């Protein structure tokens, strides 16, 4: 296996984790929560401490699409 392949896989895995974290934070992928991975714990609050789960799906989707990582 080439070193460049491993580097690309590492980068892809990191990006996948970021995407899954945003989807989970805004409860846009409830199937992820069923598996309860450790890295999603504590992601259910916005930067100002408000509960994201209290927001409408439309607002959560907008926030997810505009979040910067």
PDB file of N, CA and C in Angstrom:
ATOM      1  N   UNK A   1       0.846  -1.170   0.000  1.00  0.00           N
ATOM      2  CA  UNK A   1       0.000   0.000   0.000  1.00  0.00           C
ATOM      3  C   UNK A   1       0.898   1.242   0.000  1.00  0.00           C
ATOM      4  N   UNK A   2       0.518   2.217  -0.775  1.00  0.00           N
ATOM      5  CA  UNK A   2       1.283   3.444  -0.879  1.00  0.00           C
ATOM      6  C   UNK A   2       1.022   4.354   0.312  1.00  0.00           C
ATOM      7  N   UNK A   3       2.024   5.110   0.678  1.00  0.00           N
ATOM      8  CA  UNK A   3       1.893   6.070   1.775  1.00  0.00           C
ATOM      9  C   UNK A   3       0.838   7.133   1.458  1.00  0.00           C
ATOM     10  N   UNK A   4       0.765   7.540   0.208  1.00  0.00           N
ATOM     11  CA  UNK A   4      -0.231   8.548  -0.173  1.00  0.00           C
ATOM     12  C   UNK A   4      -1.657   8.026   0.016  1.00  0.00           C
ATOM     13  N   UNK A   5      -1.846   6.743  -0.158  1.00  0.00           N
ATOM     14  CA  UNK A   5      -3.164   6.137   0.059  1.00  0.00           C
ATOM     15  C   UNK A   5      -3.545   6.213   1.526  1.00  0.00           C
ATOM     16  N   UNK A   6      -2.603   5.942   2.407  1.00  0.00           N
ATOM     17  CA  UNK A   6      -2.866   6.017   3.843  1.00  0.00           C
ATOM     18  C   UNK A   6      -3.154   7.453   4.279  1.00  0.00           C
ATOM     19  N   UNK A   7      -2.423   8.387   3.729  1.00  0.00           N
ATOM     20  CA  UNK A   7      -2.632   9.797   4.055  1.00  0.00           C
ATOM     21  C   UNK A   7      -4.022  10.244   3.622  1.00  0.00           C
ATOM     22  N   UNK A   8      -4.420   9.852   2.430  1.00  0.00           N
ATOM     23  CA  UNK A   8      -5.747  10.225   1.918  1.00  0.00           C
ATOM     24  C   UNK A   8      -6.842   9.569   2.767  1.00  0.00           C
ATOM     25  N   UNK A   9      -6.652   8.313   3.152  1.00  0.00           N
ATOM     26  CA  UNK A   9      -7.639   7.627   3.994  1.00  0.00           C
ATOM     27  C   UNK A   9      -7.787   8.338   5.336  1.00  0.00           C
ATOM     28  N   UNK A  10      -6.679   8.746   5.915  1.00  0.00           N
ATOM     29  CA  UNK A  10      -6.719   9.460   7.187  1.00  0.00           C
ATOM     30  C   UNK A  10      -7.487  10.769   7.048  1.00  0.00           C
ATOM     31  N   UNK A  11      -7.239  11.489   5.978  1.00  0.00           N
ATOM     32  CA  UNK A  11      -7.937  12.746   5.723  1.00  0.00           C
ATOM     33  C   UNK A  11      -9.431  12.510   5.516  1.00  0.00           C
ATOM     34  N   UNK A  12      -9.769  11.490   4.749  1.00  0.00           N
ATOM     35  CA  UNK A  12     -11.174  11.159   4.499  1.00  0.00           C
ATOM     36  C   UNK A  12     -11.881  10.750   5.784  1.00  0.00           C
ATOM     37  N   UNK A  13     -11.216   9.967   6.610  1.00  0.00           N
ATOM     38  CA  UNK A  13     -11.808   9.525   7.873  1.00  0.00           C
ATOM     39  C   UNK A  13     -12.052  10.704   8.799  1.00  0.00           C
ATOM     40  N   UNK A  14     -11.128  11.646   8.834  1.00  0.00           N
ATOM     41  CA  UNK A  14     -11.287  12.837   9.659  1.00  0.00           C
ATOM     42  C   UNK A  14     -12.482  13.663   9.178  1.00  0.00           C
ATOM     43  N   UNK A  15     -12.603  13.854   7.879  1.00  0.00           N
ATOM     44  CA  UNK A  15     -13.716  14.632   7.322  1.00  0.00           C
ATOM     45  C   UNK A  15     -15.047  13.928   7.585  1.00  0.00           C
ATOM     46  N   UNK A  16     -15.080  12.608   7.437  1.00  0.00           N
ATOM     47  CA  UNK A  16     -16.290  11.839   7.712  1.00  0.00           C
ATOM     48  C   UNK A  16     -16.722  12.041   9.157  1.00  0.00           C
ATOM     49  N   UNK A  17     -15.767  12.019  10.074  1.00  0.00           N
ATOM     50  CA  UNK A  17     -16.080  12.231  11.484  1.00  0.00           C
ATOM     51  C   UNK A  17     -16.679  13.615  11.707  1.00  0.00           C
ATOM     52  N   UNK A  18     -16.125  14.635  11.044  1.00  0.00           N
ATOM     53  CA  UNK A  18     -16.656  15.994  11.168  1.00  0.00           C
ATOM     54  C   UNK A  18     -18.104  16.068  10.677  1.00  0.00           C
ATOM     55  N   UNK A  19     -18.371  15.456   9.538  1.00  0.00           N
ATOM     56  CA  UNK A  19     -19.721  15.484   8.968  1.00  0.00           C
ATOM     57  C   UNK A  19     -20.702  14.763   9.882  1.00  0.00           C
ATOM     58  N   UNK A  20     -20.322  13.597  10.363  1.00  0.00           N
ATOM     59  CA  UNK A  20     -21.196  12.840  11.264  1.00  0.00           C
ATOM     60  C   UNK A  20     -21.452  13.624  12.547  1.00  0.00           C
ATOM     61  N   UNK A  21     -20.434  14.294  13.062  1.00  0.00           N
ATOM     62  CA  UNK A  21     -20.603  15.080  14.284  1.00  0.00           C
ATOM     63  C   UNK A  21     -21.603  16.215  14.085  1.00  0.00           C
ATOM     64  N   UNK A  22     -21.543  16.910  12.940  1.00  0.00           N
ATOM     65  CA  UNK A  22     -22.480  18.004  12.671  1.00  0.00           C
ATOM     66  C   UNK A  22     -23.894  17.452  12.508  1.00  0.00           C
ATOM     67  N   UNK A  23     -24.057  16.384  11.745  1.00  0.00           N
ATOM     68  CA  UNK A  23     -25.388  15.791  11.571  1.00  0.00           C
ATOM     69  C   UNK A  23     -25.974  15.350  12.899  1.00  0.00           C
ATOM     70  N   UNK A  24     -25.142  14.776  13.740  1.00  0.00           N
ATOM     71  CA  UNK A  24     -25.617  14.304  15.034  1.00  0.00           C
ATOM     72  C   UNK A  24     -25.936  15.466  15.954  1.00  0.00           C
ATOM     73  N   UNK A  25     -25.100  16.476  15.949  1.00  0.00           N
ATOM     74  CA  UNK A  25     -25.320  17.645  16.797  1.00  0.00           C
ATOM     75  C   UNK A  25     -26.685  18.263  16.538  1.00  0.00           C
ATOM     76  N   UNK A  26     -27.068  18.347  15.283  1.00  0.00           N
ATOM     77  CA  UNK A  26     -28.322  18.976  14.911  1.00  0.00           C
ATOM     78  C   UNK A  26     -29.457  17.961  14.727  1.00  0.00           C
ATOM     79  N   UNK A  27     -29.240  16.745  15.186  1.00  0.00           N
ATOM     80  CA  UNK A  27     -30.220  15.659  15.115  1.00  0.00           C
ATOM     81  C   UNK A  27     -30.789  15.495  13.714  1.00  0.00           C
ATOM     82  N   UNK A  28     -29.909  15.460  12.738  1.00  0.00           N
ATOM     83  CA  UNK A  28     -30.304  15.242  11.355  1.00  0.00           C
ATOM     84  C   UNK A  28     -30.006  13.820  10.896  1.00  0.00           C
ATOM     85  N   UNK A  29     -29.406  13.044  11.750  1.00  0.00           N
ATOM     86  CA  UNK A  29     -29.103  11.643  11.441  1.00  0.00           C
ATOM     87  C   UNK A  29     -29.317  10.818  12.703  1.00  0.00           C
ATOM     88  N   UNK A  30     -30.561  10.597  13.032  1.00  0.00           N
ATOM     89  CA  UNK A  30     -30.879   9.878  14.268  1.00  0.00           C
ATOM     90  C   UNK A  30     -30.373   8.445  14.282  1.00  0.00           C
ATOM     91  N   UNK A  31     -30.137   7.856  13.114  1.00  0.00           N
ATOM     92  CA  UNK A  31     -29.619   6.500  13.064  1.00  0.00           C
ATOM     93  C   UNK A  31     -28.227   6.409  13.676  1.00  0.00           C
ATOM     94  N   UNK A  32     -27.500   7.492  13.687  1.00  0.00           N
ATOM     95  CA  UNK A  32     -26.159   7.503  14.278  1.00  0.00           C
ATOM     96  C   UNK A  32     -26.263   7.384  15.797  1.00  0.00           C
ATOM     97  N   UNK A  33     -27.244   8.070  16.374  1.00  0.00           N
ATOM     98  CA  UNK A  33     -27.401   8.043  17.823  1.00  0.00           C
ATOM     99  C   UNK A  33     -27.744   6.650  18.338  1.00  0.00           C
ATOM    100  N   UNK A  34     -28.364   5.824  17.503  1.00  0.00           N
ATOM    101  CA  UNK A  34     -28.695   4.466  17.922  1.00  0.00           C
ATOM    102  C   UNK A  34     -27.451   3.668  18.261  1.00  0.00           C
ATOM    103  N   UNK A  35     -26.345   3.969  17.616  1.00  0.00           N
ATOM    104  CA  UNK A  35     -25.087   3.265  17.871  1.00  0.00           C
ATOM    105  C   UNK A  35     -24.296   3.904  18.999  1.00  0.00           C
ATOM    106  N   UNK A  36     -24.667   5.110  19.396  1.00  0.00           N
ATOM    107  CA  UNK A  36     -24.112   5.823  20.543  1.00  0.00           C
ATOM    108  C   UNK A  36     -22.584   5.879  20.569  1.00  0.00           C
ATOM    109  N   UNK A  37     -21.958   6.391  19.504  1.00  0.00           N
ATOM    110  CA  UNK A  37     -20.497   6.516  19.549  1.00  0.00           C
ATOM    111  C   UNK A  37     -20.066   7.566  20.575  1.00  0.00           C
ATOM    112  N   UNK A  38     -18.912   7.362  21.176  1.00  0.00           N
ATOM    113  CA  UNK A  38     -18.424   8.244  22.241  1.00  0.00           C
ATOM    114  C   UNK A  38     -18.247   9.691  21.792  1.00  0.00           C
ATOM    115  N   UNK A  39     -17.827   9.906  20.546  1.00  0.00           N
ATOM    116  CA  UNK A  39     -17.492  11.270  20.144  1.00  0.00           C
ATOM    117  C   UNK A  39     -18.710  12.177  19.981  1.00  0.00           C
ATOM    118  N   UNK A  40     -19.939  11.640  20.019  1.00  0.00           N
ATOM    119  CA  UNK A  40     -21.101  12.513  19.871  1.00  0.00           C
ATOM    120  C   UNK A  40     -21.668  12.990  21.198  1.00  0.00           C
ATOM    121  N   UNK A  41     -21.178  12.438  22.276  1.00  0.00           N
ATOM    122  CA  UNK A  41     -21.689  12.857  23.576  1.00  0.00           C
ATOM    123  C   UNK A  41     -21.334  14.320  23.819  1.00  0.00           C
ATOM    124  N   UNK A  42     -22.279  15.095  24.269  1.00  0.00           N
ATOM    125  CA  UNK A  42     -22.035  16.499  24.555  1.00  0.00           C
ATOM    126  C   UNK A  42     -22.161  17.424  23.361  1.00  0.00           C
ATOM    127  N   UNK A  43     -22.647  16.933  22.227  1.00  0.00           N
ATOM    128  CA  UNK A  43     -22.765  17.776  21.043  1.00  0.00           C
ATOM    129  C   UNK A  43     -24.147  18.397  20.895  1.00  0.00           C
ATOM    130  N   UNK A  44     -25.027  18.169  21.820  1.00  0.00           N
ATOM    131  CA  UNK A  44     -26.423  18.569  21.660  1.00  0.00           C
ATOM    132  C   UNK A  44     -26.717  19.994  22.113  1.00  0.00           C
ATOM    133  N   UNK A  45     -25.711  20.831  22.272  1.00  0.00           N
ATOM    134  CA  UNK A  45     -25.928  22.218  22.665  1.00  0.00           C
ATOM    135  C   UNK A  45     -25.233  23.145  21.685  1.00  0.00           C
ATOM    136  N   UNK A  46     -25.837  24.308  21.494  1.00  0.00           N
ATOM    137  CA  UNK A  46     -25.232  25.302  20.608  1.00  0.00           C
ATOM    138  C   UNK A  46     -24.118  26.031  21.348  1.00  0.00           C
ATOM    139  N   UNK A  47     -23.448  26.919  20.652  1.00  0.00           N
ATOM    140  CA  UNK A  47     -22.323  27.634  21.257  1.00  0.00           C
ATOM    141  C   UNK A  47     -22.755  28.517  22.429  1.00  0.00           C
ATOM    142  N   UNK A  48     -24.008  28.957  22.437  1.00  0.00           N
ATOM    143  CA  UNK A  48     -24.474  29.780  23.557  1.00  0.00           C
ATOM    144  C   UNK A  48     -25.141  28.947  24.656  1.00  0.00           C
ATOM    145  N   UNK A  49     -25.101  27.622  24.537  1.00  0.00           N
ATOM    146  CA  UNK A  49     -25.626  26.738  25.571  1.00  0.00           C
ATOM    147  C   UNK A  49     -27.075  26.343  25.407  1.00  0.00           C
ATOM    148  N   UNK A  50     -27.754  26.853  24.367  1.00  0.00           N
ATOM    149  CA  UNK A  50     -29.155  26.507  24.130  1.00  0.00           C
ATOM    150  C   UNK A  50     -29.268  25.066  23.643  1.00  0.00           C
ATOM    151  N   UNK A  51     -30.367  24.422  23.990  1.00  0.00           N
ATOM    152  CA  UNK A  51     -30.589  23.046  23.551  1.00  0.00           C
ATOM    153  C   UNK A  51     -31.014  23.045  22.091  1.00  0.00           C
ATOM    154  N   UNK A  52     -30.254  22.379  21.279  1.00  0.00           N
ATOM    155  CA  UNK A  52     -30.532  22.313  19.851  1.00  0.00           C
ATOM    156  C   UNK A  52     -31.791  21.493  19.591  1.00  0.00           C
ATOM    157  N   UNK A  53     -32.064  20.530  20.420  1.00  0.00           N
ATOM    158  CA  UNK A  53     -33.226  19.667  20.211  1.00  0.00           C
ATOM    159  C   UNK A  53     -34.542  20.427  20.313  1.00  0.00           C
ATOM    160  N   UNK A  54     -34.529  21.615  20.915  1.00  0.00           N
ATOM    161  CA  UNK A  54     -35.748  22.412  21.032  1.00  0.00           C
ATOM    162  C   UNK A  54     -36.055  23.200  19.752  1.00  0.00           C
ATOM    163  N   UNK A  55     -35.129  23.236  18.819  1.00  0.00           N
ATOM    164  CA  UNK A  55     -35.309  23.996  17.583  1.00  0.00           C
ATOM    165  C   UNK A  55     -36.046  23.161  16.531  1.00  0.00           C
ATOM    166  N   UNK A  56     -36.659  23.836  15.577  1.00  0.00           N
ATOM    167  CA  UNK A  56     -37.368  23.132  14.501  1.00  0.00           C
ATOM    168  C   UNK A  56     -36.350  22.453  13.581  1.00  0.00           C
ATOM    169  N   UNK A  57     -36.791  21.410  12.852  1.00  0.00           N
ATOM    170  CA  UNK A  57     -35.876  20.750  11.905  1.00  0.00           C
ATOM    171  C   UNK A  57     -35.308  21.711  10.868  1.00  0.00           C
ATOM    172  N   UNK A  58     -36.104  22.676  10.439  1.00  0.00           N
ATOM    173  CA  UNK A  58     -35.634  23.635   9.447  1.00  0.00           C
ATOM    174  C   UNK A  58     -34.480  24.479   9.979  1.00  0.00           C
ATOM    175  N   UNK A  59     -34.619  24.933  11.209  1.00  0.00           N
ATOM    176  CA  UNK A  59     -33.567  25.750  11.826  1.00  0.00           C
ATOM    177  C   UNK A  59     -32.319  24.902  12.044  1.00  0.00           C
ATOM    178  N   UNK A  60     -32.484  23.663  12.513  1.00  0.00           N
ATOM    179  CA  UNK A  60     -31.330  22.783  12.728  1.00  0.00           C
ATOM    180  C   UNK A  60     -30.597  22.509  11.425  1.00  0.00           C
ATOM    181  N   UNK A  61     -31.338  22.312  10.333  1.00  0.00           N
ATOM    182  CA  UNK A  61     -30.710  22.071   9.036  1.00  0.00           C
ATOM    183  C   UNK A  61     -29.920  23.292   8.586  1.00  0.00           C
ATOM    184  N   UNK A  62     -30.512  24.484   8.720  1.00  0.00           N
ATOM    185  CA  UNK A  62     -29.802  25.710   8.346  1.00  0.00           C
ATOM    186  C   UNK A  62     -28.527  25.872   9.162  1.00  0.00           C
ATOM    187  N   UNK A  63     -28.616  25.615  10.467  1.00  0.00           N
ATOM    188  CA  UNK A  63     -27.437  25.739  11.324  1.00  0.00           C
ATOM    189  C   UNK A  63     -26.354  24.736  10.926  1.00  0.00           C
ATOM    190  N   UNK A  64     -26.764  23.515  10.591  1.00  0.00           N
ATOM    191  CA  UNK A  64     -25.798  22.487  10.190  1.00  0.00           C
ATOM    192  C   UNK A  64     -25.088  22.869   8.901  1.00  0.00           C
ATOM    193  N   UNK A  65     -25.842  23.413   7.951  1.00  0.00           N
ATOM    194  CA  UNK A  65     -25.248  23.775   6.668  1.00  0.00           C
ATOM    195  C   UNK A  65     -24.340  24.990   6.747  1.00  0.00           C
ATOM    196  N   UNK A  66     -24.550  25.827   7.752  1.00  0.00           N
ATOM    197  CA  UNK A  66     -23.724  27.029   7.863  1.00  0.00           C
ATOM    198  C   UNK A  66     -22.624  26.912   8.908  1.00  0.00           C
ATOM    199  N   UNK A  67     -22.560  25.788   9.619  1.00  0.00           N
ATOM    200  CA  UNK A  67     -21.527  25.622  10.637  1.00  0.00           C
ATOM    201  C   UNK A  67     -20.156  25.488   9.994  1.00  0.00           C
ATOM    202  N   UNK A  68     -19.203  26.139  10.604  1.00  0.00           N
ATOM    203  CA  UNK A  68     -17.806  26.045  10.146  1.00  0.00           C
ATOM    204  C   UNK A  68     -17.039  25.192  11.122  1.00  0.00           C
ATOM    205  N   UNK A  69     -16.262  24.297  10.577  1.00  0.00           N
ATOM    206  CA  UNK A  69     -15.464  23.404  11.424  1.00  0.00           C
ATOM    207  C   UNK A  69     -14.035  23.873  11.443  1.00  0.00           C
TER     208      UNK A  69
END
